[in-house]
Each structure stands twice: as C-alpha cells, then as structure tokens.
C-alpha atoms as a PDB file:
ATOM      1  CA  MET A   1     -17.113 -23.000  10.006  1.00  0.00           C
ATOM      2  CA  ILE A   2     -18.631 -22.173   6.646  1.00  0.00           C
ATOM      3  CA  TYR A   3     -20.196 -19.025   8.083  1.00  0.00           C
ATOM      4  CA  PHE A   4     -16.765 -17.903   9.261  1.00  0.00           C
ATOM      5  CA  PHE A   5     -15.466 -18.054   5.686  1.00  0.00           C
ATOM      6  CA  HIS A   6     -18.516 -16.173   4.395  1.00  0.00           C
ATOM      7  CA  ILE A   7     -18.066 -13.412   6.956  1.00  0.00           C
ATOM      8  CA  LEU A   8     -14.366 -13.266   6.143  1.00  0.00           C
ATOM      9  CA  LEU A   9     -15.219 -12.868   2.450  1.00  0.00           C
ATOM     10  CA  ILE A  10     -17.509  -9.950   3.270  1.00  0.00           C
ATOM     11  CA  ILE A  11     -14.813  -8.267   5.368  1.00  0.00           C
ATOM     12  CA  ILE A  12     -12.221  -8.686   2.622  1.00  0.00           C
ATOM     13  CA  LEU A  13     -14.687  -7.409   0.035  1.00  0.00           C
ATOM     14  CA  LEU A  14     -15.347  -4.272   2.076  1.00  0.00           C
ATOM     15  CA  SER A  15     -11.627  -3.692   2.508  1.00  0.00           C
ATOM     16  CA  ILE A  16     -11.203  -3.989  -1.270  1.00  0.00           C
ATOM     17  CA  ILE A  17     -13.976  -1.485  -1.898  1.00  0.00           C
ATOM     18  CA  PHE A  18     -12.759   1.162   0.543  1.00  0.00           C
ATOM     19  CA  ASN A  19      -9.013   1.065  -0.143  1.00  0.00           C
ATOM     20  CA  ASP A  20      -6.894   2.871  -2.741  1.00  0.00           C
ATOM     21  CA  ASN A  21      -3.522   1.125  -2.462  1.00  0.00           C
ATOM     22  CA  ASN A  22      -3.010  -1.017  -5.571  1.00  0.00           C
ATOM     23  CA  LEU A  23      -0.754  -3.647  -4.022  1.00  0.00           C
ATOM     24  CA  TYR A  24      -3.088  -4.021  -1.048  1.00  0.00           C
ATOM     25  CA  LEU A  25      -5.996  -4.538  -3.462  1.00  0.00           C
ATOM     26  CA  ILE A  26      -4.084  -7.234  -5.326  1.00  0.00           C
ATOM     27  CA  LEU A  27      -3.224  -8.979  -2.066  1.00  0.00           C
ATOM     28  CA  CYS A  28      -6.822  -8.821  -0.830  1.00  0.00           C
ATOM     29  CA  SER A  29      -8.221 -10.109  -4.119  1.00  0.00           C
ATOM     30  CA  SER A  30      -5.756 -12.991  -4.006  1.00  0.00           C
ATOM     31  CA  ILE A  31      -6.839 -13.841  -0.460  1.00  0.00           C
ATOM     32  CA  PHE A  32     -10.475 -13.523  -1.547  1.00  0.00           C
ATOM     33  CA  SER A  33      -9.890 -16.052  -4.345  1.00  0.00           C
ATOM     34  CA  LEU A  34      -8.090 -18.400  -1.980  1.00  0.00           C
ATOM     35  CA  ILE A  35     -10.983 -18.338   0.486  1.00  0.00           C
ATOM     36  CA  CYS A  36     -13.404 -18.933  -2.384  1.00  0.00           C
ATOM     37  CA  ALA A  37     -11.297 -21.953  -3.365  1.00  0.00           C
ATOM     38  CA  ILE A  38     -11.535 -23.252   0.197  1.00  0.00           C
ATOM     39  CA  LEU A  39     -15.315 -22.844   0.115  1.00  0.00           C
ATOM     40  CA  TYR A  40     -15.528 -24.628  -3.241  1.00  0.00           C
ATOM     41  CA  TYR A  41     -13.587 -27.516  -1.747  1.00  0.00           C
ATOM     42  CA  ILE A  42     -15.875 -27.609   1.297  1.00  0.00           C
ATOM     43  CA  TYR A  43     -18.891 -27.666  -1.051  1.00  0.00           C
ATOM     44  CA  ASN A  44     -17.412 -30.762  -2.771  1.00  0.00           C
ATOM     45  CA  ALA A  45     -16.198 -29.101  -5.957  1.00  0.00           C
ATOM     46  CA  PRO A  46     -12.468 -29.861  -5.894  1.00  0.00           C
ATOM     47  CA  ASP A  47     -11.977 -29.229  -9.611  1.00  0.00           C
ATOM     48  CA  VAL A  48     -13.381 -25.718  -9.328  1.00  0.00           C
ATOM     49  CA  ALA A  49     -11.372 -25.160  -6.148  1.00  0.00           C
ATOM     50  CA  LEU A  50      -8.162 -26.146  -7.882  1.00  0.00           C
ATOM     51  CA  ALA A  51      -8.862 -23.870 -10.834  1.00  0.00           C
ATOM     52  CA  GLU A  52      -9.758 -20.960  -8.540  1.00  0.00           C
ATOM     53  CA  ALA A  53      -6.634 -21.464  -6.458  1.00  0.00           C
ATOM     54  CA  ALA A  54      -4.389 -21.639  -9.507  1.00  0.00           C
ATOM     55  CA  ILE A  55      -5.908 -18.826 -11.531  1.00  0.00           C
ATOM     56  CA  GLY A  56      -7.422 -16.486  -8.969  1.00  0.00           C
ATOM     57  CA  SER A  57      -4.780 -16.731  -6.272  1.00  0.00           C
ATOM     58  CA  ALA A  58      -1.614 -17.145  -8.329  1.00  0.00           C
ATOM     59  CA  ILE A  59      -1.782 -16.162 -11.996  1.00  0.00           C
ATOM     60  CA  ILE A  60      -4.070 -13.112 -11.932  1.00  0.00           C
ATOM     61  CA  PRO A  61      -2.196 -11.289  -9.108  1.00  0.00           C
ATOM     62  CA  VAL A  62       1.097 -11.798 -10.951  1.00  0.00           C
ATOM     63  CA  ILE A  63      -0.423 -10.332 -14.110  1.00  0.00           C
ATOM     64  CA  TYR A  64      -1.760  -7.349 -12.145  1.00  0.00           C
ATOM     65  CA  ILE A  65       1.612  -6.710 -10.500  1.00  0.00           C
ATOM     66  CA  ILE A  66       3.402  -6.852 -13.863  1.00  0.00           C
ATOM     67  CA  ALA A  67       0.879  -4.462 -15.400  1.00  0.00           C
ATOM     68  CA  ILE A  68       1.138  -1.985 -12.521  1.00  0.00           C
ATOM     69  CA  SER A  69       4.933  -2.069 -12.555  1.00  0.00           C
ATOM     70  CA  LYS A  70       5.008  -1.432 -16.313  1.00  0.00           C
ATOM     71  CA  HIS A  71       2.528   1.399 -15.876  1.00  0.00           C
ATOM     72  CA  TYR A  72       4.751   3.068 -13.268  1.00  0.00           C
ATOM     73  CA  LYS A  73       7.843   2.635 -15.448  1.00  0.00           C
ATOM     74  CA  ARG A  74       6.097   4.311 -18.397  1.00  0.00           C
ATOM     75  CA  GLY A  75       4.996   7.158 -16.140  1.00  0.00           C
ATOM     76  CA  GLU A  76       8.577   7.743 -15.032  1.00  0.00           C
ATOM     77  CA  LYS A  77       9.804   7.857 -18.631  1.00  0.00           C
ATOM     78  CA  ARG A  78       7.166  10.424 -19.572  1.00  0.00           C
ATOM     79  CA  ASP A  79       8.069  12.653 -16.651  1.00  0.00           C
ATOM     80  CA  GLY A  80      11.715  12.667 -17.746  1.00  0.00           C
ATOM     81  CA  ILE A  81      10.928  13.804 -21.310  1.00  0.00           C
END
C-alpha cells in the first residue's frame, strides 16, 4: 500500500512538471501534499501529517489562487489603459 502512494506521488509530480495550466498545477500540488500527509500518518508522524494537510493542502493553494486572480485582474486593467 505504501508503494502505491509513492508511485502516485511520482505520477502527480510528473504531471506537475509537464503541465502549463496554473489551476491544474495548484490542484495537483494540493493533492501531492495530501498524499504526503497520508504517508506521514502511515509512518507514525501524525503531527507532521496534520501540519502538512492544513498548510500544504488547504492554506497554500488558497494563497496561490488569490495571487493568480489578482495577477489576472491587474493584467486586465493594464490592457484597458
């Protein structure tokens, strides 16, 4: 079962490397962090798993989405000038 999660991490990592869509990258990195949290829990590190799940799977993707949306809004304002 642990090898399944490791192989899944490699597949997600390759999809992150070879993709250009920003929202897809954020989604894949969030899934990557969630799988890492599952592995930390399996390896008997529940405190690290909880921190990884909270920060890597929830807070960081929200920050990325806010930053990308503000970047697109600024780009639209510059085009209109």
